[in-house]
Amino acid sequence: MASKHKSSTSGPSRAGSAGSRLREVATTGRVVLLVVAVLALVFVFENTRHVTIRIIGPEVSAPLWLALAAMLVIGWLLGRFVTVRRR
C-alpha cells in the first residue's frame, strides 16, 4: 500500500512542479524582454540601408539603425546627466 500511495502522489506533484518551473522561467519581465529583443531585431533588419550623416563638418556613411542607436545612447546619457545633476 505504501507503493500505491507514493505513485499516486508523485504524479500530481511532478506536474505541479513542472508548472511552477514554467512560471519561474516565463516571468513577466522575461517575456517583455524577449518581445523587446525581437522588436529590436526586426528594427535592425528593416533599417539596413546606408545614410549620410553630416555633423558640423565631416560626412559619415552608416546604416540607419546604427545612426539611430547612437542617437538613442547619446540621448540616454544626456538624460542620465540631467537627472544626476538635479539631485
N, C-alpha and C. Protein backbone atom coordinates (compact mmCIF):
# COMPACT_ATOMS: atom_id res chain seq x y z
N MET A 1 0.81 -1.19 0.00
CA MET A 1 0.00 0.00 0.00
C MET A 1 0.86 1.26 0.00
N ALA A 2 1.98 1.18 0.59
CA ALA A 2 2.85 2.35 0.61
C ALA A 2 3.30 2.71 -0.80
N SER A 3 3.52 1.70 -1.66
CA SER A 3 3.96 1.99 -3.02
C SER A 3 2.83 2.65 -3.82
N LYS A 4 1.56 2.26 -3.58
CA LYS A 4 0.45 2.91 -4.26
C LYS A 4 0.37 4.38 -3.85
N HIS A 5 0.55 4.60 -2.58
CA HIS A 5 0.47 5.97 -2.07
C HIS A 5 1.56 6.84 -2.68
N LYS A 6 2.76 6.32 -2.81
CA LYS A 6 3.85 7.10 -3.39
C LYS A 6 3.60 7.39 -4.86
N SER A 7 3.12 6.38 -5.61
CA SER A 7 2.92 6.60 -7.04
C SER A 7 1.75 7.55 -7.30
N SER A 8 0.73 7.52 -6.48
CA SER A 8 -0.40 8.41 -6.71
C SER A 8 -0.06 9.85 -6.37
N THR A 9 0.80 10.08 -5.39
CA THR A 9 1.16 11.45 -5.03
C THR A 9 2.30 11.98 -5.87
N SER A 10 3.14 11.10 -6.43
CA SER A 10 4.27 11.59 -7.21
C SER A 10 3.81 12.15 -8.56
N GLY A 11 2.73 11.64 -9.13
CA GLY A 11 2.22 12.13 -10.42
C GLY A 11 1.80 13.58 -10.36
N PRO A 12 0.84 13.95 -9.51
CA PRO A 12 0.41 15.34 -9.45
C PRO A 12 1.50 16.29 -8.96
N SER A 13 2.36 15.84 -8.06
CA SER A 13 3.40 16.73 -7.57
C SER A 13 4.42 17.02 -8.67
N ARG A 14 4.66 16.05 -9.54
CA ARG A 14 5.58 16.30 -10.65
C ARG A 14 4.96 17.30 -11.62
N ALA A 15 3.69 17.14 -11.91
CA ALA A 15 3.01 18.07 -12.81
C ALA A 15 2.99 19.46 -12.20
N GLY A 16 2.74 19.54 -10.90
CA GLY A 16 2.72 20.83 -10.23
C GLY A 16 4.10 21.47 -10.23
N SER A 17 5.14 20.68 -10.03
CA SER A 17 6.48 21.24 -10.02
C SER A 17 6.89 21.68 -11.43
N ALA A 18 6.45 20.96 -12.46
CA ALA A 18 6.75 21.38 -13.83
C ALA A 18 6.04 22.69 -14.14
N GLY A 19 4.80 22.83 -13.69
CA GLY A 19 4.07 24.08 -13.90
C GLY A 19 4.71 25.24 -13.16
N SER A 20 5.19 24.99 -11.95
CA SER A 20 5.84 26.06 -11.21
C SER A 20 7.18 26.42 -11.83
N ARG A 21 7.87 25.44 -12.40
CA ARG A 21 9.13 25.74 -13.11
C ARG A 21 8.86 26.60 -14.33
N LEU A 22 7.79 26.30 -15.05
CA LEU A 22 7.44 27.09 -16.22
C LEU A 22 7.12 28.53 -15.81
N ARG A 23 6.40 28.69 -14.69
CA ARG A 23 6.09 30.04 -14.21
C ARG A 23 7.36 30.77 -13.80
N GLU A 24 8.35 30.05 -13.24
CA GLU A 24 9.60 30.68 -12.85
C GLU A 24 10.40 31.11 -14.07
N VAL A 25 10.38 30.32 -15.12
CA VAL A 25 11.14 30.63 -16.33
C VAL A 25 10.46 31.74 -17.11
N ALA A 26 9.15 31.70 -17.25
CA ALA A 26 8.41 32.66 -18.07
C ALA A 26 7.80 33.75 -17.20
N THR A 27 8.65 34.53 -16.55
CA THR A 27 8.14 35.65 -15.75
C THR A 27 7.74 36.78 -16.68
N THR A 28 6.99 37.71 -16.18
CA THR A 28 6.53 38.83 -16.99
C THR A 28 7.70 39.64 -17.52
N GLY A 29 8.69 39.86 -16.69
CA GLY A 29 9.86 40.63 -17.12
C GLY A 29 10.60 39.96 -18.25
N ARG A 30 10.75 38.65 -18.17
CA ARG A 30 11.46 37.92 -19.23
C ARG A 30 10.68 37.90 -20.53
N VAL A 31 9.37 37.80 -20.43
CA VAL A 31 8.54 37.82 -21.65
C VAL A 31 8.63 39.20 -22.31
N VAL A 32 8.56 40.26 -21.52
CA VAL A 32 8.68 41.62 -22.06
C VAL A 32 10.06 41.81 -22.68
N LEU A 33 11.10 41.32 -22.02
CA LEU A 33 12.46 41.42 -22.55
C LEU A 33 12.58 40.68 -23.88
N LEU A 34 11.99 39.52 -23.99
CA LEU A 34 12.02 38.75 -25.23
C LEU A 34 11.29 39.48 -26.35
N VAL A 35 10.15 40.07 -26.05
CA VAL A 35 9.39 40.81 -27.06
C VAL A 35 10.18 42.03 -27.53
N VAL A 36 10.80 42.75 -26.61
CA VAL A 36 11.60 43.93 -26.97
C VAL A 36 12.80 43.51 -27.81
N ALA A 37 13.44 42.40 -27.47
CA ALA A 37 14.58 41.92 -28.24
C ALA A 37 14.17 41.55 -29.67
N VAL A 38 13.03 40.90 -29.82
CA VAL A 38 12.55 40.54 -31.16
C VAL A 38 12.22 41.80 -31.95
N LEU A 39 11.58 42.77 -31.32
CA LEU A 39 11.27 44.03 -32.00
C LEU A 39 12.55 44.77 -32.39
N ALA A 40 13.57 44.72 -31.56
CA ALA A 40 14.84 45.37 -31.89
C ALA A 40 15.48 44.70 -33.11
N LEU A 41 15.42 43.39 -33.17
CA LEU A 41 15.97 42.68 -34.34
C LEU A 41 15.20 43.03 -35.61
N VAL A 42 13.88 43.10 -35.52
CA VAL A 42 13.07 43.49 -36.68
C VAL A 42 13.45 44.91 -37.11
N PHE A 43 13.63 45.80 -36.16
CA PHE A 43 14.02 47.18 -36.45
C PHE A 43 15.36 47.23 -37.19
N VAL A 44 16.32 46.46 -36.72
CA VAL A 44 17.64 46.44 -37.35
C VAL A 44 17.55 45.92 -38.78
N PHE A 45 16.83 44.81 -38.97
CA PHE A 45 16.75 44.23 -40.31
C PHE A 45 15.94 45.08 -41.29
N GLU A 46 15.03 45.88 -40.78
CA GLU A 46 14.24 46.76 -41.64
C GLU A 46 14.97 48.05 -42.00
N ASN A 47 16.01 48.41 -41.25
CA ASN A 47 16.71 49.68 -41.45
C ASN A 47 18.19 49.46 -41.73
N THR A 48 18.49 48.68 -42.76
CA THR A 48 19.88 48.36 -43.07
C THR A 48 20.48 49.28 -44.13
N ARG A 49 19.67 50.11 -44.79
CA ARG A 49 20.23 50.95 -45.85
C ARG A 49 21.17 52.00 -45.24
N HIS A 50 22.15 52.41 -46.02
CA HIS A 50 23.14 53.38 -45.55
C HIS A 50 22.61 54.80 -45.74
N VAL A 51 22.90 55.64 -44.78
CA VAL A 51 22.53 57.05 -44.86
C VAL A 51 23.79 57.89 -44.65
N THR A 52 23.77 59.09 -45.16
CA THR A 52 24.89 60.01 -44.98
C THR A 52 24.54 60.96 -43.85
N ILE A 53 25.43 61.04 -42.89
CA ILE A 53 25.22 61.88 -41.71
C ILE A 53 26.28 62.97 -41.73
N ARG A 54 25.84 64.20 -41.57
CA ARG A 54 26.78 65.32 -41.56
C ARG A 54 26.62 66.05 -40.23
N ILE A 55 27.68 66.06 -39.46
CA ILE A 55 27.69 66.76 -38.17
C ILE A 55 28.79 67.81 -38.23
N ILE A 56 28.42 69.05 -38.29
CA ILE A 56 29.28 70.24 -38.36
C ILE A 56 30.19 70.23 -39.59
N GLY A 57 30.95 69.19 -39.84
CA GLY A 57 31.85 69.23 -40.98
C GLY A 57 31.90 67.93 -41.76
N PRO A 58 32.45 66.89 -41.17
CA PRO A 58 32.65 65.66 -41.94
C PRO A 58 31.34 64.91 -42.20
N GLU A 59 31.31 64.22 -43.33
CA GLU A 59 30.18 63.36 -43.66
C GLU A 59 30.55 61.92 -43.38
N VAL A 60 29.62 61.21 -42.78
CA VAL A 60 29.84 59.81 -42.44
C VAL A 60 28.70 59.00 -43.04
N SER A 61 29.03 57.86 -43.63
CA SER A 61 28.01 56.96 -44.14
C SER A 61 27.90 55.78 -43.18
N ALA A 62 26.68 55.50 -42.73
CA ALA A 62 26.47 54.42 -41.77
C ALA A 62 25.07 53.85 -41.98
N PRO A 63 24.86 52.62 -41.53
CA PRO A 63 23.50 52.08 -41.60
C PRO A 63 22.55 52.92 -40.74
N LEU A 64 21.32 53.05 -41.19
CA LEU A 64 20.34 53.87 -40.48
C LEU A 64 20.14 53.38 -39.05
N TRP A 65 20.08 52.06 -38.84
CA TRP A 65 19.85 51.54 -37.49
C TRP A 65 20.99 51.92 -36.56
N LEU A 66 22.22 51.96 -37.08
CA LEU A 66 23.37 52.32 -36.24
C LEU A 66 23.31 53.80 -35.85
N ALA A 67 22.93 54.64 -36.80
CA ALA A 67 22.80 56.07 -36.51
C ALA A 67 21.72 56.30 -35.46
N LEU A 68 20.59 55.62 -35.60
CA LEU A 68 19.51 55.78 -34.63
C LEU A 68 19.89 55.21 -33.26
N ALA A 69 20.61 54.10 -33.26
CA ALA A 69 21.06 53.52 -31.98
C ALA A 69 22.05 54.45 -31.29
N ALA A 70 22.92 55.09 -32.06
CA ALA A 70 23.87 56.05 -31.48
C ALA A 70 23.13 57.23 -30.86
N MET A 71 22.10 57.72 -31.55
CA MET A 71 21.30 58.82 -31.01
C MET A 71 20.56 58.40 -29.74
N LEU A 72 20.10 57.16 -29.71
CA LEU A 72 19.45 56.64 -28.51
C LEU A 72 20.41 56.64 -27.32
N VAL A 73 21.62 56.17 -27.54
CA VAL A 73 22.62 56.12 -26.46
C VAL A 73 22.99 57.53 -26.02
N ILE A 74 23.20 58.44 -26.97
CA ILE A 74 23.54 59.82 -26.61
C ILE A 74 22.40 60.47 -25.83
N GLY A 75 21.17 60.26 -26.26
CA GLY A 75 20.02 60.81 -25.53
C GLY A 75 19.89 60.22 -24.14
N TRP A 76 20.13 58.93 -24.03
CA TRP A 76 20.07 58.28 -22.71
C TRP A 76 21.14 58.85 -21.79
N LEU A 77 22.37 59.02 -22.30
CA LEU A 77 23.45 59.57 -21.48
C LEU A 77 23.14 61.00 -21.05
N LEU A 78 22.60 61.81 -21.96
CA LEU A 78 22.22 63.18 -21.60
C LEU A 78 21.11 63.18 -20.55
N GLY A 79 20.16 62.30 -20.69
CA GLY A 79 19.09 62.19 -19.69
C GLY A 79 19.63 61.80 -18.33
N ARG A 80 20.57 60.87 -18.31
CA ARG A 80 21.19 60.47 -17.04
C ARG A 80 21.95 61.65 -16.43
N PHE A 81 22.66 62.40 -17.26
CA PHE A 81 23.42 63.55 -16.78
C PHE A 81 22.50 64.59 -16.15
N VAL A 82 21.40 64.90 -16.81
CA VAL A 82 20.46 65.89 -16.29
C VAL A 82 19.81 65.39 -15.01
N THR A 83 19.46 64.11 -14.96
CA THR A 83 18.82 63.55 -13.77
C THR A 83 19.78 63.57 -12.58
N VAL A 84 21.03 63.22 -12.81
CA VAL A 84 22.03 63.19 -11.72
C VAL A 84 22.30 64.60 -11.24
N ARG A 85 22.36 65.57 -12.15
CA ARG A 85 22.65 66.95 -11.77
C ARG A 85 21.54 67.56 -10.93
N ARG A 86 20.29 67.13 -11.14
CA ARG A 86 19.15 67.69 -10.38
C ARG A 86 19.19 67.25 -8.92
N ARG A 87 19.65 66.06 -8.67
CA ARG A 87 19.67 65.54 -7.29
C ARG A 87 20.71 66.26 -6.53
